[in-house]
Amino acid sequence: MFNTIIGLAAFAAIALIGWAIAEIKGKACGYEKNQMEKDVDEQQAQFLHKNGFHELSIKDVIKSISTKGFKTT
């Protein structure tokens, strides 16, 4: 019984330490796009919009996916 409690406490401690390291790493190592990447993104967005691309609303997505299951024939 005592070994089980120690094992669970050790597991929880290791999990919390790993989670804290991941959170700190995510905040410490930021990424910012350079000007060339921003220019390429803008060119791609203009190309997509020029060729008729538009973002779907949630209503459009619900219409196009199977939310009620498959129809059997």
PDB file of N, CA and C in Angstrom:
ATOM      1  N   MET A   1       0.827  -1.190   0.000  1.00  0.00           N
ATOM      2  CA  MET A   1       0.000   0.000   0.000  1.00  0.00           C
ATOM      3  C   MET A   1       0.874   1.259   0.000  1.00  0.00           C
ATOM      4  N   PHE A   2       1.886   1.251   0.856  1.00  0.00           N
ATOM      5  CA  PHE A   2       2.782   2.405   0.953  1.00  0.00           C
ATOM      6  C   PHE A   2       3.576   2.597  -0.338  1.00  0.00           C
ATOM      7  N   ASN A   3       3.988   1.488  -0.978  1.00  0.00           N
ATOM      8  CA  ASN A   3       4.731   1.559  -2.238  1.00  0.00           C
ATOM      9  C   ASN A   3       3.857   2.140  -3.348  1.00  0.00           C
ATOM     10  N   THR A   4       2.590   1.812  -3.329  1.00  0.00           N
ATOM     11  CA  THR A   4       1.668   2.331  -4.329  1.00  0.00           C
ATOM     12  C   THR A   4       1.537   3.845  -4.206  1.00  0.00           C
ATOM     13  N   ILE A   5       1.417   4.330  -2.994  1.00  0.00           N
ATOM     14  CA  ILE A   5       1.287   5.772  -2.777  1.00  0.00           C
ATOM     15  C   ILE A   5       2.563   6.489  -3.200  1.00  0.00           C
ATOM     16  N   ILE A   6       3.704   5.920  -2.885  1.00  0.00           N
ATOM     17  CA  ILE A   6       4.978   6.519  -3.296  1.00  0.00           C
ATOM     18  C   ILE A   6       5.092   6.520  -4.820  1.00  0.00           C
ATOM     19  N   GLY A   7       4.689   5.432  -5.445  1.00  0.00           N
ATOM     20  CA  GLY A   7       4.734   5.346  -6.906  1.00  0.00           C
ATOM     21  C   GLY A   7       3.830   6.379  -7.564  1.00  0.00           C
ATOM     22  N   LEU A   8       2.622   6.530  -7.054  1.00  0.00           N
ATOM     23  CA  LEU A   8       1.703   7.519  -7.623  1.00  0.00           C
ATOM     24  C   LEU A   8       2.218   8.941  -7.399  1.00  0.00           C
ATOM     25  N   ALA A   9       2.777   9.207  -6.241  1.00  0.00           N
ATOM     26  CA  ALA A   9       3.327  10.531  -5.957  1.00  0.00           C
ATOM     27  C   ALA A   9       4.519  10.820  -6.872  1.00  0.00           C
ATOM     28  N   ALA A  10       5.375   9.826  -7.087  1.00  0.00           N
ATOM     29  CA  ALA A  10       6.523  10.008  -7.974  1.00  0.00           C
ATOM     30  C   ALA A  10       6.059  10.245  -9.410  1.00  0.00           C
ATOM     31  N   PHE A  11       5.057   9.492  -9.848  1.00  0.00           N
ATOM     32  CA  PHE A  11       4.512   9.672 -11.193  1.00  0.00           C
ATOM     33  C   PHE A  11       3.932  11.078 -11.354  1.00  0.00           C
ATOM     34  N   ALA A  12       3.163  11.533 -10.368  1.00  0.00           N
ATOM     35  CA  ALA A  12       2.569  12.871 -10.427  1.00  0.00           C
ATOM     36  C   ALA A  12       3.652  13.943 -10.436  1.00  0.00           C
ATOM     37  N   ALA A  13       4.691  13.763  -9.627  1.00  0.00           N
ATOM     38  CA  ALA A  13       5.773  14.746  -9.579  1.00  0.00           C
ATOM     39  C   ALA A  13       6.505  14.821 -10.914  1.00  0.00           C
ATOM     40  N   ILE A  14       6.803  13.674 -11.507  1.00  0.00           N
ATOM     41  CA  ILE A  14       7.494  13.648 -12.803  1.00  0.00           C
ATOM     42  C   ILE A  14       6.621  14.268 -13.883  1.00  0.00           C
ATOM     43  N   ALA A  15       5.333  13.968 -13.855  1.00  0.00           N
ATOM     44  CA  ALA A  15       4.414  14.531 -14.846  1.00  0.00           C
ATOM     45  C   ALA A  15       4.333  16.050 -14.709  1.00  0.00           C
ATOM     46  N   LEU A  16       4.251  16.551 -13.493  1.00  0.00           N
ATOM     47  CA  LEU A  16       4.186  17.997 -13.278  1.00  0.00           C
ATOM     48  C   LEU A  16       5.480  18.692 -13.682  1.00  0.00           C
ATOM     49  N   ILE A  17       6.606  18.077 -13.399  1.00  0.00           N
ATOM     50  CA  ILE A  17       7.893  18.652 -13.796  1.00  0.00           C
ATOM     51  C   ILE A  17       7.999  18.691 -15.325  1.00  0.00           C
ATOM     52  N   GLY A  18       7.605  17.625 -15.991  1.00  0.00           N
ATOM     53  CA  GLY A  18       7.634  17.592 -17.458  1.00  0.00           C
ATOM     54  C   GLY A  18       6.710  18.631 -18.061  1.00  0.00           C
ATOM     55  N   TRP A  19       5.539  18.778 -17.483  1.00  0.00           N
ATOM     56  CA  TRP A  19       4.582  19.771 -17.963  1.00  0.00           C
ATOM     57  C   TRP A  19       5.145  21.186 -17.786  1.00  0.00           C
ATOM     58  N   ALA A  20       5.767  21.451 -16.639  1.00  0.00           N
ATOM     59  CA  ALA A  20       6.341  22.776 -16.379  1.00  0.00           C
ATOM     60  C   ALA A  20       7.472  23.078 -17.361  1.00  0.00           C
ATOM     61  N   ILE A  21       8.301  22.098 -17.645  1.00  0.00           N
ATOM     62  CA  ILE A  21       9.390  22.298 -18.612  1.00  0.00           C
ATOM     63  C   ILE A  21       8.827  22.618 -19.989  1.00  0.00           C
ATOM     64  N   ALA A  22       7.789  21.905 -20.397  1.00  0.00           N
ATOM     65  CA  ALA A  22       7.182  22.153 -21.704  1.00  0.00           C
ATOM     66  C   ALA A  22       6.578  23.556 -21.776  1.00  0.00           C
ATOM     67  N   GLU A  23       5.928  23.989 -20.717  1.00  0.00           N
ATOM     68  CA  GLU A  23       5.339  25.333 -20.690  1.00  0.00           C
ATOM     69  C   GLU A  23       6.422  26.405 -20.749  1.00  0.00           C
ATOM     70  N   ILE A  24       7.476  26.235 -20.005  1.00  0.00           N
ATOM     71  CA  ILE A  24       8.561  27.221 -19.996  1.00  0.00           C
ATOM     72  C   ILE A  24       9.252  27.264 -21.352  1.00  0.00           C
ATOM     73  N   LYS A  25       9.478  26.110 -21.946  1.00  0.00           N
ATOM     74  CA  LYS A  25      10.132  26.056 -23.244  1.00  0.00           C
ATOM     75  C   LYS A  25       9.283  26.753 -24.301  1.00  0.00           C
ATOM     76  N   GLY A  26       7.965  26.541 -24.247  1.00  0.00           N
ATOM     77  CA  GLY A  26       7.075  27.176 -25.217  1.00  0.00           C
ATOM     78  C   GLY A  26       7.071  28.686 -25.113  1.00  0.00           C
ATOM     79  N   LYS A  27       7.212  29.208 -23.919  1.00  0.00           N
ATOM     80  CA  LYS A  27       7.216  30.657 -23.728  1.00  0.00           C
ATOM     81  C   LYS A  27       8.591  31.263 -23.990  1.00  0.00           C
ATOM     82  N   ALA A  28       9.643  30.511 -23.749  1.00  0.00           N
ATOM     83  CA  ALA A  28      10.996  31.038 -23.909  1.00  0.00           C
ATOM     84  C   ALA A  28      11.460  31.009 -25.362  1.00  0.00           C
ATOM     85  N   CYS A  29      10.964  30.062 -26.137  1.00  0.00           N
ATOM     86  CA  CYS A  29      11.428  29.889 -27.511  1.00  0.00           C
ATOM     87  C   CYS A  29      10.335  30.328 -28.484  1.00  0.00           C
ATOM     88  N   GLY A  30      10.197  31.624 -28.671  1.00  0.00           N
ATOM     89  CA  GLY A  30       9.198  32.140 -29.593  1.00  0.00           C
ATOM     90  C   GLY A  30       9.717  32.143 -31.015  1.00  0.00           C
ATOM     91  N   TYR A  31       8.792  32.197 -31.971  1.00  0.00           N
ATOM     92  CA  TYR A  31       9.168  32.248 -33.383  1.00  0.00           C
ATOM     93  C   TYR A  31       8.452  33.420 -34.024  1.00  0.00           C
ATOM     94  N   GLU A  32       9.193  34.203 -34.751  1.00  0.00           N
ATOM     95  CA  GLU A  32       8.616  35.333 -35.454  1.00  0.00           C
ATOM     96  C   GLU A  32       9.034  35.236 -36.911  1.00  0.00           C
ATOM     97  N   LYS A  33       8.071  35.418 -37.823  1.00  0.00           N
ATOM     98  CA  LYS A  33       8.371  35.317 -39.242  1.00  0.00           C
ATOM     99  C   LYS A  33       9.199  36.511 -39.691  1.00  0.00           C
ATOM    100  N   ASN A  34      10.139  36.236 -40.615  1.00  0.00           N
ATOM    101  CA  ASN A  34      10.906  37.336 -41.183  1.00  0.00           C
ATOM    102  C   ASN A  34      10.115  37.960 -42.335  1.00  0.00           C
ATOM    103  N   GLN A  35      10.630  39.015 -42.909  1.00  0.00           N
ATOM    104  CA  GLN A  35       9.890  39.758 -43.932  1.00  0.00           C
ATOM    105  C   GLN A  35       9.647  38.916 -45.177  1.00  0.00           C
ATOM    106  N   MET A  36      10.591  38.076 -45.555  1.00  0.00           N
ATOM    107  CA  MET A  36      10.417  37.252 -46.746  1.00  0.00           C
ATOM    108  C   MET A  36       9.265  36.252 -46.544  1.00  0.00           C
ATOM    109  N   GLU A  37       9.173  35.658 -45.371  1.00  0.00           N
ATOM    110  CA  GLU A  37       8.076  34.731 -45.092  1.00  0.00           C
ATOM    111  C   GLU A  37       6.738  35.454 -45.090  1.00  0.00           C
ATOM    112  N   LYS A  38       6.713  36.663 -44.538  1.00  0.00           N
ATOM    113  CA  LYS A  38       5.473  37.447 -44.544  1.00  0.00           C
ATOM    114  C   LYS A  38       5.051  37.791 -45.968  1.00  0.00           C
ATOM    115  N   ASP A  39       6.023  38.133 -46.826  1.00  0.00           N
ATOM    116  CA  ASP A  39       5.719  38.448 -48.223  1.00  0.00           C
ATOM    117  C   ASP A  39       5.155  37.235 -48.965  1.00  0.00           C
ATOM    118  N   VAL A  40       5.735  36.081 -48.734  1.00  0.00           N
ATOM    119  CA  VAL A  40       5.247  34.859 -49.379  1.00  0.00           C
ATOM    120  C   VAL A  40       3.831  34.541 -48.911  1.00  0.00           C
ATOM    121  N   ASP A  41       3.558  34.680 -47.625  1.00  0.00           N
ATOM    122  CA  ASP A  41       2.208  34.439 -47.116  1.00  0.00           C
ATOM    123  C   ASP A  41       1.206  35.391 -47.747  1.00  0.00           C
ATOM    124  N   GLU A  42       1.582  36.647 -47.905  1.00  0.00           N
ATOM    125  CA  GLU A  42       0.689  37.637 -48.515  1.00  0.00           C
ATOM    126  C   GLU A  42       0.430  37.302 -49.979  1.00  0.00           C
ATOM    127  N   GLN A  43       1.471  36.892 -50.708  1.00  0.00           N
ATOM    128  CA  GLN A  43       1.303  36.511 -52.115  1.00  0.00           C
ATOM    129  C   GLN A  43       0.388  35.307 -52.252  1.00  0.00           C
ATOM    130  N   GLN A  44       0.546  34.317 -51.369  1.00  0.00           N
ATOM    131  CA  GLN A  44      -0.317  33.137 -51.423  1.00  0.00           C
ATOM    132  C   GLN A  44      -1.762  33.493 -51.102  1.00  0.00           C
ATOM    133  N   ALA A  45      -1.974  34.365 -50.131  1.00  0.00           N
ATOM    134  CA  ALA A  45      -3.331  34.784 -49.781  1.00  0.00           C
ATOM    135  C   ALA A  45      -3.973  35.516 -50.948  1.00  0.00           C
ATOM    136  N   GLN A  46      -3.231  36.408 -51.603  1.00  0.00           N
ATOM    137  CA  GLN A  46      -3.774  37.118 -52.762  1.00  0.00           C
ATOM    138  C   GLN A  46      -4.107  36.159 -53.895  1.00  0.00           C
ATOM    139  N   PHE A  47      -3.248  35.177 -54.122  1.00  0.00           N
ATOM    140  CA  PHE A  47      -3.499  34.183 -55.175  1.00  0.00           C
ATOM    141  C   PHE A  47      -4.770  33.393 -54.884  1.00  0.00           C
ATOM    142  N   LEU A  48      -4.936  32.957 -53.634  1.00  0.00           N
ATOM    143  CA  LEU A  48      -6.117  32.179 -53.284  1.00  0.00           C
ATOM    144  C   LEU A  48      -7.394  32.997 -53.434  1.00  0.00           C
ATOM    145  N   HIS A  49      -7.388  34.225 -52.964  1.00  0.00           N
ATOM    146  CA  HIS A  49      -8.586  35.057 -53.052  1.00  0.00           C
ATOM    147  C   HIS A  49      -8.905  35.439 -54.494  1.00  0.00           C
ATOM    148  N   LYS A  50      -7.869  35.601 -55.309  1.00  0.00           N
ATOM    149  CA  LYS A  50      -8.084  35.934 -56.717  1.00  0.00           C
ATOM    150  C   LYS A  50      -8.742  34.763 -57.455  1.00  0.00           C
ATOM    151  N   ASN A  51      -8.465  33.545 -57.026  1.00  0.00           N
ATOM    152  CA  ASN A  51      -9.004  32.359 -57.685  1.00  0.00           C
ATOM    153  C   ASN A  51     -10.272  31.833 -57.026  1.00  0.00           C
ATOM    154  N   GLY A  52     -10.939  32.647 -56.230  1.00  0.00           N
ATOM    155  CA  GLY A  52     -12.247  32.281 -55.706  1.00  0.00           C
ATOM    156  C   GLY A  52     -12.251  31.584 -54.365  1.00  0.00           C
ATOM    157  N   PHE A  53     -11.165  31.591 -53.631  1.00  0.00           N
ATOM    158  CA  PHE A  53     -11.133  30.950 -52.320  1.00  0.00           C
ATOM    159  C   PHE A  53     -11.895  31.799 -51.318  1.00  0.00           C
ATOM    160  N   HIS A  54     -12.672  31.148 -50.467  1.00  0.00           N
ATOM    161  CA  HIS A  54     -13.300  31.832 -49.343  1.00  0.00           C
ATOM    162  C   HIS A  54     -13.350  30.876 -48.167  1.00  0.00           C
ATOM    163  N   GLU A  55     -13.249  31.413 -46.969  1.00  0.00           N
ATOM    164  CA  GLU A  55     -13.283  30.578 -45.778  1.00  0.00           C
ATOM    165  C   GLU A  55     -14.704  30.132 -45.513  1.00  0.00           C
ATOM    166  N   LEU A  56     -14.840  28.896 -45.058  1.00  0.00           N
ATOM    167  CA  LEU A  56     -16.157  28.357 -44.753  1.00  0.00           C
ATOM    168  C   LEU A  56     -16.582  28.779 -43.356  1.00  0.00           C
ATOM    169  N   SER A  57     -17.857  29.084 -43.221  1.00  0.00           N
ATOM    170  CA  SER A  57     -18.396  29.339 -41.890  1.00  0.00           C
ATOM    171  C   SER A  57     -18.723  27.996 -41.247  1.00  0.00           C
ATOM    172  N   ILE A  58     -19.067  28.010 -39.988  1.00  0.00           N
ATOM    173  CA  ILE A  58     -19.389  26.757 -39.309  1.00  0.00           C
ATOM    174  C   ILE A  58     -20.633  26.119 -39.917  1.00  0.00           C
ATOM    175  N   LYS A  59     -21.565  26.928 -40.397  1.00  0.00           N
ATOM    176  CA  LYS A  59     -22.774  26.385 -41.048  1.00  0.00           C
ATOM    177  C   LYS A  59     -22.415  25.666 -42.338  1.00  0.00           C
ATOM    178  N   ASP A  60     -21.467  26.225 -43.110  1.00  0.00           N
ATOM    179  CA  ASP A  60     -21.019  25.564 -44.335  1.00  0.00           C
ATOM    180  C   ASP A  60     -20.324  24.242 -44.029  1.00  0.00           C
ATOM    181  N   VAL A  61     -19.535  24.224 -42.975  1.00  0.00           N
ATOM    182  CA  VAL A  61     -18.821  23.003 -42.598  1.00  0.00           C
ATOM    183  C   VAL A  61     -19.823  21.927 -42.175  1.00  0.00           C
ATOM    184  N   ILE A  62     -20.825  22.306 -41.397  1.00  0.00           N
ATOM    185  CA  ILE A  62     -21.820  21.333 -40.939  1.00  0.00           C
ATOM    186  C   ILE A  62     -22.587  20.751 -42.122  1.00  0.00           C
ATOM    187  N   LYS A  63     -22.858  21.572 -43.137  1.00  0.00           N
ATOM    188  CA  LYS A  63     -23.550  21.074 -44.327  1.00  0.00           C
ATOM    189  C   LYS A  63     -22.709  20.058 -45.089  1.00  0.00           C
ATOM    190  N   SER A  64     -21.386  20.237 -45.060  1.00  0.00           N
ATOM    191  CA  SER A  64     -20.532  19.396 -45.892  1.00  0.00           C
ATOM    192  C   SER A  64     -19.990  18.160 -45.180  1.00  0.00           C
ATOM    193  N   ILE A  65     -20.221  18.014 -43.874  1.00  0.00           N
ATOM    194  CA  ILE A  65     -19.743  16.823 -43.187  1.00  0.00           C
ATOM    195  C   ILE A  65     -20.921  15.971 -42.756  1.00  0.00           C
ATOM    196  N   SER A  66     -20.644  14.772 -42.392  1.00  0.00           N
ATOM    197  CA  SER A  66     -21.690  13.855 -41.970  1.00  0.00           C
ATOM    198  C   SER A  66     -21.883  13.979 -40.470  1.00  0.00           C
ATOM    199  N   THR A  67     -22.862  14.782 -40.053  1.00  0.00           N
ATOM    200  CA  THR A  67     -23.117  14.947 -38.626  1.00  0.00           C
ATOM    201  C   THR A  67     -24.225  14.039 -38.127  1.00  0.00           C
ATOM    202  N   LYS A  68     -24.970  13.468 -39.056  1.00  0.00           N
ATOM    203  CA  LYS A  68     -26.082  12.600 -38.655  1.00  0.00           C
ATOM    204  C   LYS A  68     -25.818  11.137 -39.029  1.00  0.00           C
ATOM    205  N   GLY A  69     -24.617  10.811 -39.384  1.00  0.00           N
ATOM    206  CA  GLY A  69     -24.294   9.450 -39.776  1.00  0.00           C
ATOM    207  C   GLY A  69     -24.449   9.270 -41.274  1.00  0.00           C
ATOM    208  N   PHE A  70     -24.257   8.064 -41.722  1.00  0.00           N
ATOM    209  CA  PHE A  70     -24.337   7.769 -43.141  1.00  0.00           C
ATOM    210  C   PHE A  70     -25.716   7.273 -43.510  1.00  0.00           C
ATOM    211  N   LYS A  71     -26.171   7.669 -44.671  1.00  0.00           N
ATOM    212  CA  LYS A  71     -27.465   7.233 -45.165  1.00  0.00           C
ATOM    213  C   LYS A  71     -27.286   5.872 -45.842  1.00  0.00           C
ATOM    214  N   THR A  72     -28.080   4.913 -45.435  1.00  0.00           N
ATOM    215  CA  THR A  72     -27.996   3.597 -46.072  1.00  0.00           C
ATOM    216  C   THR A  72     -28.974   3.541 -47.224  1.00  0.00           C
ATOM    217  N   THR A  73     -28.565   2.860 -48.286  1.00  0.00           N
ATOM    218  CA  THR A  73     -29.439   2.766 -49.460  1.00  0.00           C
ATOM    219  C   THR A  73     -29.952   1.391 -49.655  1.00  0.00           C
TER     220      THR A  73
END
